[in-house]
Amino acid sequence: MPSNKATQPILIGIALLYLALVLFIPAIAVFYEAFHKGFEAFLEAAGTREFIEAVKLTLMIAAITIPLNTIFGVVIALFLARHQFPGRALLMSIIDLPFSISPVVAGLMIVLLYGRNGWFGGWLEASGTKIIFALPGMVIATIFVTLPFVAREVIPVLEEIGSEQEEAAKILGANEWQTFWRVVLPNISWGLLYGILLTNARAMGEFGAVSVVSGSILGRTATLPIFVEQAYKNYQTEAAFSAAVILALLAAVTLILQEYLKRRTVHKGG
């Protein structure tokens, strides 16, 4: 059998080759296709009305989704970390459902509920409220797929620090809000920021669920990921790859911030 010293370079080479084929080369290809005609061509492709509307819509959905899921995540994390009750494990599993359900299936469930022929479709149509093929449906879909991130990052932090500091603050006369702002929030801040960052990354990059409920209309209900698909199908390759570059840069910034927050969290814990 070959020695460990002989097999180590082979394994490293296989790993690097694999990464090159599935990550590095495709990423380089995206940037090449976006910039091979020059930076002016990139700016021209990124300056179209459809592109700008896709960016605005993506940012708007993220701006709505992140605060709502942050509030929900912190509240449910406090509840689950500080209380033991029958069904707790089931509730935690339900929160994790978006991790296991296909985004396309999630989008279909939303259509089943809020579509014209859905469970609430008749009532919504009678009241003049439009959910599917409109911003509300896209927000609901994004909220669903990003639901677990904040809660799943905050719960372990709360369980690790315990409740002693909170109990001490209450004994000293602090009310619930004072205890949260002055004791709980500083302790969970890095885990909370990490969860918010993951929520933002998923919200901006979500395609499957949003595509099902949006109608994918360029300039109206197309987010950046949908714009990439639609532009490529319509042979607008410059615009498609320009949007892909924006998404790739957002992903890179997310990874850098993730690593920074992870290091700060480990350093703070140590």
Protein backbone atom coordinates (compact mmCIF):
# COMPACT_ATOMS: atom_id res chain seq x y z
CA MET A 1 0.00 0.00 0.00
CA PRO A 2 1.32 3.50 -0.75
CA SER A 3 2.41 5.57 2.21
CA ASN A 4 0.48 8.51 3.55
CA LYS A 5 3.12 10.88 2.18
CA ALA A 6 2.57 9.46 -1.32
CA THR A 7 -1.24 9.55 -1.21
CA GLN A 8 -1.55 13.04 0.28
CA PRO A 9 -0.49 14.94 -2.89
CA ILE A 10 -2.81 12.73 -4.96
CA LEU A 11 -5.80 13.45 -2.74
CA ILE A 12 -5.02 17.18 -2.73
CA GLY A 13 -4.72 17.12 -6.52
CA ILE A 14 -8.07 15.34 -6.89
CA ALA A 15 -9.73 17.85 -4.54
CA LEU A 16 -8.26 20.82 -6.43
CA LEU A 17 -9.30 19.34 -9.77
CA TYR A 18 -12.83 18.81 -8.49
CA LEU A 19 -13.01 22.39 -7.19
CA ALA A 20 -11.66 23.70 -10.48
CA LEU A 21 -14.29 21.85 -12.51
CA VAL A 22 -17.32 22.72 -10.38
CA LEU A 23 -16.34 26.13 -8.94
CA PHE A 24 -13.28 27.98 -10.21
CA ILE A 25 -13.64 27.45 -13.98
CA PRO A 26 -17.40 28.22 -14.05
CA ALA A 27 -16.80 31.39 -11.97
CA ILE A 28 -13.99 32.50 -14.29
CA ALA A 29 -16.21 31.79 -17.30
CA VAL A 30 -19.00 34.00 -15.89
CA PHE A 31 -16.63 36.94 -15.35
CA TYR A 32 -15.04 36.43 -18.77
CA GLU A 33 -18.39 36.43 -20.56
CA ALA A 34 -19.44 39.57 -18.69
CA PHE A 35 -16.27 41.57 -19.37
CA HIS A 36 -14.70 40.14 -22.55
CA LYS A 37 -16.24 42.95 -24.64
CA GLY A 38 -15.02 45.61 -22.24
CA PHE A 39 -16.25 47.37 -19.15
CA GLU A 40 -18.44 49.72 -21.21
CA ALA A 41 -20.39 46.76 -22.59
CA PHE A 42 -20.89 45.52 -19.03
CA LEU A 43 -22.20 48.91 -17.91
CA GLU A 44 -24.48 49.12 -20.93
CA ALA A 45 -25.95 45.70 -20.18
CA ALA A 46 -26.34 46.60 -16.51
CA GLY A 47 -28.03 49.90 -17.36
CA THR A 48 -31.14 48.53 -19.02
CA ARG A 49 -34.52 49.19 -17.42
CA GLU A 50 -35.18 45.47 -16.90
CA PHE A 51 -31.84 45.02 -15.13
CA ILE A 52 -32.36 48.02 -12.86
CA GLU A 53 -35.91 46.93 -12.01
CA ALA A 54 -34.63 43.44 -11.17
CA VAL A 55 -32.05 44.93 -8.78
CA LYS A 56 -34.66 47.17 -7.15
CA LEU A 57 -37.08 44.28 -6.72
CA THR A 58 -34.40 42.01 -5.26
CA LEU A 59 -33.35 44.66 -2.75
CA MET A 60 -36.97 45.43 -1.86
CA ILE A 61 -37.77 41.78 -1.15
CA ALA A 62 -34.63 41.43 0.97
CA ALA A 63 -35.47 44.66 2.85
CA ILE A 64 -38.90 43.27 3.77
CA THR A 65 -37.83 39.69 4.45
CA ILE A 66 -34.79 40.29 6.66
CA PRO A 67 -36.47 42.35 9.44
CA LEU A 68 -39.50 40.04 9.60
CA ASN A 69 -37.44 36.86 9.83
CA THR A 70 -35.00 38.51 12.25
CA ILE A 71 -37.82 39.36 14.66
CA PHE A 72 -39.37 35.91 14.28
CA GLY A 73 -35.99 34.18 14.63
CA VAL A 74 -35.05 35.99 17.84
CA VAL A 75 -38.49 35.49 19.43
CA ILE A 76 -38.73 31.78 18.60
CA ALA A 77 -35.09 31.25 19.61
CA LEU A 78 -35.71 32.80 23.02
CA PHE A 79 -38.83 30.72 23.46
CA LEU A 80 -37.19 27.42 22.48
CA ALA A 81 -33.92 28.04 24.33
CA ARG A 82 -35.56 29.07 27.60
CA HIS A 83 -38.51 26.64 27.76
CA GLN A 84 -38.82 22.87 27.83
CA PHE A 85 -42.25 21.55 26.84
CA PRO A 86 -43.87 18.59 25.06
CA GLY A 87 -43.59 19.05 21.30
CA ARG A 88 -40.46 21.22 21.47
CA ALA A 89 -38.52 18.88 19.18
CA LEU A 90 -41.44 18.82 16.73
CA LEU A 91 -41.58 22.63 16.66
CA MET A 92 -37.84 22.81 15.95
CA SER A 93 -38.30 20.29 13.13
CA ILE A 94 -41.10 22.39 11.65
CA ILE A 95 -38.85 25.46 11.69
CA ASP A 96 -36.26 23.43 9.76
CA LEU A 97 -38.76 22.38 7.05
CA PRO A 98 -37.54 24.99 4.53
CA PHE A 99 -34.14 23.26 4.61
CA SER A 100 -35.65 19.99 3.38
CA ILE A 101 -38.53 21.10 1.15
CA SER A 102 -37.68 21.95 -2.46
CA PRO A 103 -38.14 25.68 -3.15
CA VAL A 104 -40.25 24.79 -6.18
CA VAL A 105 -42.59 22.76 -3.95
CA ALA A 106 -42.73 25.71 -1.54
CA GLY A 107 -43.76 27.97 -4.40
CA LEU A 108 -46.47 25.53 -5.48
CA MET A 109 -47.81 25.42 -1.91
CA ILE A 110 -48.11 29.20 -1.92
CA VAL A 111 -49.93 29.10 -5.26
CA LEU A 112 -52.26 26.43 -3.85
CA LEU A 113 -53.13 28.73 -0.95
CA TYR A 114 -53.23 32.17 -2.56
CA GLY A 115 -53.73 31.52 -6.29
CA ARG A 116 -56.94 32.36 -8.12
CA ASN A 117 -58.19 28.79 -7.65
CA GLY A 118 -56.46 28.35 -4.28
CA TRP A 119 -57.92 27.95 -0.83
CA PHE A 120 -57.99 31.71 -0.21
CA GLY A 121 -58.13 32.73 -3.87
CA GLY A 122 -61.84 33.56 -3.97
CA TRP A 123 -61.68 35.76 -0.88
CA LEU A 124 -58.52 37.54 -2.09
CA GLU A 125 -60.02 38.19 -5.53
CA ALA A 126 -63.21 39.54 -3.98
CA SER A 127 -61.23 41.94 -1.80
CA GLY A 128 -59.03 43.05 -4.71
CA THR A 129 -55.86 41.69 -3.13
CA LYS A 130 -53.26 40.16 -5.46
CA ILE A 131 -50.73 37.76 -3.98
CA ILE A 132 -49.57 35.50 -6.81
CA PHE A 133 -47.66 37.14 -9.69
CA ALA A 134 -47.11 40.17 -7.46
CA LEU A 135 -44.73 41.42 -4.78
CA PRO A 136 -46.63 39.91 -1.78
CA GLY A 137 -46.33 36.38 -3.14
CA MET A 138 -42.63 36.83 -3.83
CA VAL A 139 -42.09 38.13 -0.31
CA ILE A 140 -44.02 35.20 1.21
CA ALA A 141 -41.94 32.73 -0.83
CA THR A 142 -38.69 34.38 0.25
CA ILE A 143 -39.77 34.50 3.89
CA PHE A 144 -40.51 30.77 3.76
CA VAL A 145 -37.14 29.72 2.34
CA THR A 146 -35.17 32.00 4.70
CA LEU A 147 -37.23 31.28 7.82
CA PRO A 148 -34.77 29.05 9.79
CA PHE A 149 -31.49 30.95 9.45
CA VAL A 150 -31.69 33.48 12.29
CA ALA A 151 -33.35 31.06 14.71
CA ARG A 152 -30.85 28.31 13.98
CA GLU A 153 -27.89 30.63 14.59
CA VAL A 154 -29.27 32.21 17.78
CA ILE A 155 -30.61 29.09 19.56
CA PRO A 156 -27.17 27.46 20.15
CA VAL A 157 -25.78 30.77 21.46
CA LEU A 158 -28.63 31.17 23.94
CA GLU A 159 -28.27 27.57 25.11
CA GLU A 160 -24.53 27.99 25.57
CA ILE A 161 -24.67 31.18 27.64
CA GLY A 162 -27.55 29.90 29.80
CA SER A 163 -30.05 32.07 31.65
CA GLU A 164 -28.01 33.05 34.73
CA GLN A 165 -27.22 36.57 33.52
CA GLU A 166 -30.87 37.20 32.62
CA GLU A 167 -32.04 36.00 36.03
CA ALA A 168 -29.46 38.20 37.74
CA ALA A 169 -30.65 41.25 35.77
CA LYS A 170 -34.25 40.59 36.80
CA ILE A 171 -33.25 40.21 40.45
CA LEU A 172 -31.54 43.60 40.22
CA GLY A 173 -34.82 45.13 39.01
CA ALA A 174 -34.54 45.05 35.22
CA ASN A 175 -37.77 44.47 33.29
CA GLU A 176 -38.11 42.19 30.26
CA TRP A 177 -37.12 44.84 27.70
CA GLN A 178 -34.14 46.04 29.71
CA THR A 179 -32.97 42.46 30.16
CA PHE A 180 -33.24 41.83 26.43
CA TRP A 181 -31.48 45.01 25.26
CA ARG A 182 -28.73 45.08 27.88
CA VAL A 183 -28.07 41.39 28.54
CA VAL A 184 -29.47 39.10 25.84
CA LEU A 185 -28.80 41.15 22.70
CA PRO A 186 -25.09 41.84 23.40
CA ASN A 187 -24.54 38.12 24.05
CA ILE A 188 -26.24 36.96 20.84
CA SER A 189 -25.08 39.84 18.63
CA TRP A 190 -22.52 37.94 16.54
CA GLY A 191 -24.73 34.89 16.07
CA LEU A 192 -27.63 37.18 15.18
CA LEU A 193 -25.56 39.06 12.61
CA TYR A 194 -24.41 35.75 11.13
CA GLY A 195 -28.02 34.60 10.79
CA ILE A 196 -29.05 37.91 9.21
CA LEU A 197 -26.21 37.62 6.75
CA LEU A 198 -27.28 34.12 5.72
CA THR A 199 -30.88 35.31 5.40
CA ASN A 200 -29.80 38.17 3.15
CA ALA A 201 -27.70 35.91 0.94
CA ARG A 202 -30.52 33.41 0.47
CA ALA A 203 -33.12 36.14 -0.06
CA MET A 204 -31.13 37.78 -2.84
CA GLY A 205 -30.18 34.49 -4.50
CA GLU A 206 -33.50 32.62 -4.26
CA PHE A 207 -34.82 31.40 -7.60
CA GLY A 208 -37.09 28.34 -7.35
CA ALA A 209 -39.89 29.45 -5.02
CA VAL A 210 -39.90 33.04 -6.27
CA SER A 211 -39.96 31.90 -9.90
CA VAL A 212 -43.10 29.83 -9.31
CA VAL A 213 -45.10 32.64 -7.66
CA SER A 214 -43.79 35.62 -9.64
CA GLY A 215 -44.66 34.87 -13.26
CA SER A 216 -41.09 35.91 -14.17
CA ILE A 217 -42.08 39.06 -16.08
CA LEU A 218 -39.00 41.09 -17.00
CA GLY A 219 -39.19 44.63 -15.69
CA ARG A 220 -42.06 43.79 -13.33
CA THR A 221 -41.76 40.56 -11.34
CA ALA A 222 -38.25 39.37 -12.20
CA THR A 223 -35.61 39.39 -9.47
CA LEU A 224 -31.91 39.18 -10.35
CA PRO A 225 -31.75 35.35 -10.43
CA ILE A 226 -34.88 35.24 -12.61
CA PHE A 227 -33.44 38.00 -14.81
CA VAL A 228 -30.35 35.86 -15.42
CA GLU A 229 -32.47 32.95 -16.64
CA GLN A 230 -34.84 35.05 -18.74
CA ALA A 231 -32.09 37.13 -20.34
CA TYR A 232 -30.08 34.02 -21.22
CA LYS A 233 -33.14 32.34 -22.75
CA ASN A 234 -33.73 35.47 -24.82
CA TYR A 235 -30.11 35.38 -26.08
CA GLN A 236 -29.22 38.53 -24.12
CA THR A 237 -25.99 36.95 -22.95
CA GLU A 238 -24.25 40.19 -21.94
CA ALA A 239 -27.13 41.15 -19.66
CA ALA A 240 -27.41 37.62 -18.25
CA PHE A 241 -23.73 37.35 -17.37
CA SER A 242 -23.62 40.92 -16.05
CA ALA A 243 -26.42 40.05 -13.61
CA ALA A 244 -24.62 36.82 -12.75
CA VAL A 245 -21.49 38.81 -11.89
CA ILE A 246 -23.49 41.02 -9.52
CA LEU A 247 -24.88 37.92 -7.79
CA ALA A 248 -21.41 36.35 -7.64
CA LEU A 249 -19.97 39.50 -6.05
CA LEU A 250 -22.79 39.52 -3.50
CA ALA A 251 -21.97 35.88 -2.72
CA ALA A 252 -18.27 36.71 -2.34
CA VAL A 253 -19.02 39.57 0.06
CA THR A 254 -21.30 37.24 2.01
CA LEU A 255 -18.56 34.61 2.32
CA ILE A 256 -16.03 37.21 3.50
CA LEU A 257 -18.42 38.56 6.12
CA GLN A 258 -19.35 35.03 7.19
CA GLU A 259 -15.71 34.18 7.80
CA TYR A 260 -15.19 37.45 9.67
CA LEU A 261 -18.21 36.89 11.91
CA LYS A 262 -17.23 33.27 12.50
CA ARG A 263 -13.76 34.34 13.64
CA ARG A 264 -15.22 37.03 15.89
CA THR A 265 -17.70 34.57 17.37
CA VAL A 266 -14.97 32.00 18.08
CA HIS A 267 -12.69 34.69 19.50
CA LYS A 268 -15.49 36.05 21.68
CA GLY A 269 -16.34 32.56 22.89
CA GLY A 270 -12.71 31.80 23.60
